[in-house]
Structures are given as C-alpha cells and as structure tokens.
Amino acid sequence: MLQLSGAGWTQPLIISLFSSLSLGLVGALCLSQSLAGGEASETAEEKPTAGPTSEDVRQDTEIMARLDALVAEGALYLDADLTLERLSRRLLVPAKRLSTAINRTTGENVSRYVNGFRIRHACARLTAGESVTAAMLDSGFNTKSNFNREFLRVTGMTPGAWQAANAPQGPGRVTTQA
C-alpha cells in the first residue's frame, strides 16, 4: 500500500480535484433541472399573440386622449426636464404601459412625441418674430443641436429657413429669395 504520510504537497491537489468535480456535478444538475423545467413551462404557457388585442387598442386610444389633453392644456412640453416617469405619474398609468400606448398609436417614442409639441410651439414663436435661440429655449429644448435635428425631422426645414418661409408679411417688409 502506498504510504502518503509526510506528503503534504498532495493536499492542495486533492482539494482542487474534489472541488472541481463537485462544482461540475452541481452545474450539471442545475442545467438538467433548468432544461426540464423550461420545456414544461413552455408547453404550459400560452403563445403570445401576433399583435395588440382590440382591448389593447381601446386602452391605447383612451390613454392617448388623456395624454394629449394633459400635455396640451398643461403645456407640459415646455418643461425641459419632462420624463416618461413624470408623465405616467400625472396620468396614473404605469410608465411601460404609457410608452407602449405612445409607440403603438403614434409610431414614435415618448421623446419624439413630446418634441412634436415643442416644435409646434417653436413654430408659433418663430412666426411671432422670436429669434431661433429664444424660440428653442421657450419651447423646452436644452440644446440647439437637438432642437435643430428635431425641427428638421418634424418640419422638413431648418428653423431659420422655416422662419424665413413663414414670416408674416407686413407693410415695408422686404423678403428675399434664397
């Protein structure tokens, strides 16, 4: 028989080997349970539907009507710090549900939805003769780059070009063609 007394160098090797085998066994057991449980849960669950139900559409329409009224009447879009969470709290609707309603109804995300209101407000300010920077700040935008990008996306024109094309014509006002 092999005598290992005084062979202390084998202890770390034995512990490492035993630990590795134990971890491998635990991992294999977890994987097998996960696979067995996953198959059972997939067959027991209903498959998701291809699109929104008529009830989802009805709820989306109701949420959007309330949201449009809240944002327009309260001029919430003028708040540069407006967030999905703040809108959802005001409407008493979960943020994910509100986001889904906006996405399905408008085809846009929350930011673009709010920016649409902001751009319409900026157009009114530009028509009133405000500078582009003043209209940007008065409309709830924090940065000129975001304002210019969103303005172009919504109107198809830069703010300066839009202002030139939509400036009120008054007596003594000379317009130039670009």
Protein backbone atom coordinates (compact mmCIF):
# COMPACT_ATOMS: atom_id res chain seq x y z
CA MET A 1 0.00 0.00 0.00
CA LEU A 2 1.15 3.46 -0.84
CA GLN A 3 2.01 5.46 2.21
CA LEU A 4 1.29 9.18 1.94
CA SER A 5 2.35 10.25 5.37
CA GLY A 6 4.57 13.26 5.14
CA ALA A 7 3.27 14.02 1.63
CA GLY A 8 1.61 17.33 2.44
CA TRP A 9 2.11 18.53 -1.11
CA THR A 10 -0.82 16.29 -2.19
CA GLN A 11 -3.43 18.05 -0.03
CA PRO A 12 -3.96 21.08 -2.34
CA LEU A 13 -4.14 18.75 -5.33
CA ILE A 14 -6.78 16.55 -3.69
CA ILE A 15 -8.84 19.56 -2.54
CA SER A 16 -8.71 21.15 -6.01
CA LEU A 17 -9.72 17.90 -7.70
CA PHE A 18 -12.61 17.32 -5.27
CA SER A 19 -13.83 20.95 -5.60
CA SER A 20 -13.74 20.82 -9.39
CA LEU A 21 -15.69 17.58 -9.51
CA SER A 22 -18.27 18.92 -7.01
CA LEU A 23 -18.79 22.15 -8.96
CA GLY A 24 -19.11 20.22 -12.20
CA LEU A 25 -21.73 17.92 -10.67
CA VAL A 26 -23.74 20.85 -9.22
CA GLY A 27 -23.60 22.66 -12.58
CA ALA A 28 -24.80 19.58 -14.45
CA LEU A 29 -27.70 19.12 -12.03
CA CYS A 30 -28.76 22.76 -12.34
CA LEU A 31 -28.59 22.63 -16.12
CA SER A 32 -30.65 19.43 -16.30
CA GLN A 33 -33.35 20.89 -14.00
CA SER A 34 -33.40 24.12 -15.96
CA LEU A 35 -33.86 22.29 -19.24
CA ALA A 36 -36.56 20.03 -17.85
CA GLY A 37 -38.38 22.96 -16.20
CA GLY A 38 -38.05 25.14 -19.31
CA GLU A 39 -39.73 22.58 -21.54
CA ALA A 40 -42.58 22.09 -19.11
CA SER A 41 -43.16 25.82 -18.73
CA GLU A 42 -43.13 26.44 -22.47
CA THR A 43 -45.85 23.87 -23.10
CA ALA A 44 -47.96 25.12 -20.19
CA GLU A 45 -47.81 28.80 -21.22
CA GLU A 46 -49.91 30.33 -23.94
CA LYS A 47 -48.12 31.57 -27.02
CA PRO A 48 -48.08 35.39 -27.27
CA THR A 49 -50.46 36.89 -29.81
CA ALA A 50 -49.12 38.45 -33.00
CA GLY A 51 -50.38 41.94 -32.24
CA PRO A 52 -52.39 44.05 -29.83
CA THR A 53 -55.89 42.93 -28.98
CA SER A 54 -58.92 45.14 -29.55
CA GLU A 55 -58.91 45.83 -25.80
CA ASP A 56 -55.27 46.98 -26.03
CA VAL A 57 -56.18 49.32 -28.89
CA ARG A 58 -59.13 50.71 -26.93
CA GLN A 59 -56.93 51.32 -23.88
CA ASP A 60 -54.20 52.89 -26.05
CA THR A 61 -56.76 55.27 -27.56
CA GLU A 62 -58.07 56.24 -24.12
CA ILE A 63 -54.57 56.78 -22.70
CA MET A 64 -53.55 58.89 -25.71
CA ALA A 65 -56.65 61.07 -25.47
CA ARG A 66 -55.89 61.74 -21.80
CA LEU A 67 -52.20 62.31 -22.56
CA ASP A 68 -52.87 64.71 -25.46
CA ALA A 69 -55.20 66.75 -23.26
CA LEU A 70 -52.77 66.78 -20.32
CA VAL A 71 -49.73 67.75 -22.40
CA ALA A 72 -51.50 70.38 -24.50
CA GLU A 73 -53.65 72.00 -21.81
CA GLY A 74 -50.91 72.00 -19.19
CA ALA A 75 -48.19 72.91 -21.69
CA LEU A 76 -46.09 70.21 -20.02
CA TYR A 77 -43.88 70.02 -23.11
CA LEU A 78 -42.36 73.37 -22.14
CA ASP A 79 -40.67 71.67 -19.17
CA ALA A 80 -37.18 70.76 -20.38
CA ASP A 81 -36.98 68.09 -17.65
CA LEU A 82 -40.17 66.27 -18.65
CA THR A 83 -39.75 62.49 -18.47
CA LEU A 84 -41.82 59.40 -19.16
CA GLU A 85 -41.98 58.75 -15.42
CA ARG A 86 -43.38 62.20 -14.69
CA LEU A 87 -46.00 61.84 -17.43
CA SER A 88 -47.01 58.40 -16.18
CA ARG A 89 -47.41 59.69 -12.61
CA ARG A 90 -49.62 62.55 -13.82
CA LEU A 91 -51.80 60.14 -15.82
CA LEU A 92 -51.74 57.43 -13.12
CA VAL A 93 -50.62 54.90 -15.74
CA PRO A 94 -47.55 52.66 -15.44
CA ALA A 95 -44.61 54.06 -17.43
CA LYS A 96 -44.25 50.93 -19.56
CA ARG A 97 -47.96 50.98 -20.43
CA LEU A 98 -47.80 54.67 -21.38
CA SER A 99 -44.71 54.11 -23.51
CA THR A 100 -46.38 51.18 -25.27
CA ALA A 101 -49.52 53.23 -25.97
CA ILE A 102 -47.47 56.07 -27.46
CA ASN A 103 -45.39 53.68 -29.58
CA ARG A 104 -48.39 51.78 -30.93
CA THR A 105 -50.57 54.83 -31.50
CA THR A 106 -48.07 57.30 -32.97
CA GLY A 107 -45.29 55.01 -34.19
CA GLU A 108 -42.86 57.21 -32.27
CA ASN A 109 -41.15 57.06 -28.90
CA VAL A 110 -42.01 59.29 -25.95
CA SER A 111 -39.26 61.80 -26.69
CA ARG A 112 -40.38 62.32 -30.28
CA TYR A 113 -44.00 62.59 -29.18
CA VAL A 114 -43.15 65.39 -26.72
CA ASN A 115 -40.79 67.06 -29.20
CA GLY A 116 -43.66 67.29 -31.71
CA PHE A 117 -45.48 69.60 -29.27
CA ARG A 118 -42.29 71.54 -28.67
CA ILE A 119 -41.64 72.08 -32.37
CA ARG A 120 -45.21 73.31 -32.96
CA HIS A 121 -44.71 75.77 -30.10
CA ALA A 122 -41.35 76.86 -31.56
CA CYS A 123 -43.01 77.43 -34.96
CA ALA A 124 -45.52 79.75 -33.32
CA ARG A 125 -42.71 81.63 -31.57
CA LEU A 126 -40.73 81.93 -34.82
CA THR A 127 -43.81 83.22 -36.63
CA ALA A 128 -44.19 85.82 -33.87
CA GLY A 129 -40.71 87.05 -34.71
CA GLU A 130 -38.63 85.50 -31.92
CA SER A 131 -35.05 84.54 -32.64
CA VAL A 132 -34.29 80.87 -33.22
CA THR A 133 -32.43 80.64 -29.89
CA ALA A 134 -35.27 82.28 -27.95
CA ALA A 135 -37.84 80.01 -29.63
CA MET A 136 -35.69 76.98 -28.81
CA LEU A 137 -35.39 77.88 -25.12
CA ASP A 138 -39.06 78.93 -24.84
CA SER A 139 -40.12 75.57 -26.28
CA GLY A 140 -38.44 73.29 -23.75
CA PHE A 141 -35.27 72.34 -25.60
CA ASN A 142 -31.94 72.33 -23.77
CA THR A 143 -29.56 72.05 -26.70
CA LYS A 144 -29.50 73.71 -30.08
CA SER A 145 -28.30 70.54 -31.82
CA ASN A 146 -31.31 68.54 -30.57
CA PHE A 147 -33.65 71.41 -31.43
CA ASN A 148 -32.26 71.70 -34.97
CA ARG A 149 -32.39 67.93 -35.54
CA GLU A 150 -35.97 67.62 -34.27
CA PHE A 151 -37.11 70.75 -36.11
CA LEU A 152 -35.77 69.36 -39.39
CA ARG A 153 -37.35 65.95 -38.71
CA VAL A 154 -40.79 67.42 -37.95
CA THR A 155 -40.97 70.28 -40.46
CA GLY A 156 -38.51 69.20 -43.14
CA MET A 157 -36.73 72.57 -42.82
CA THR A 158 -34.16 74.21 -40.59
CA PRO A 159 -35.56 76.71 -38.07
CA GLY A 160 -34.05 79.67 -39.96
CA ALA A 161 -35.43 78.50 -43.31
CA TRP A 162 -38.83 77.82 -41.76
CA GLN A 163 -38.90 81.28 -40.19
CA ALA A 164 -37.97 82.93 -43.48
CA ALA A 165 -40.66 80.99 -45.34
CA ASN A 166 -43.36 81.65 -42.73
CA ALA A 167 -42.59 85.18 -41.59
CA PRO A 168 -45.64 87.43 -41.57
CA GLN A 169 -45.74 89.78 -44.49
CA GLY A 170 -46.31 93.33 -43.38
CA PRO A 171 -46.04 96.77 -44.94
CA GLY A 172 -42.48 97.79 -45.56
CA ARG A 173 -41.22 94.23 -45.06
CA VAL A 174 -38.88 93.09 -47.80
CA THR A 175 -38.40 89.40 -48.46
CA THR A 176 -35.51 87.86 -50.29
CA GLN A 177 -35.45 84.70 -52.28
CA ALA A 178 -32.67 82.24 -51.44
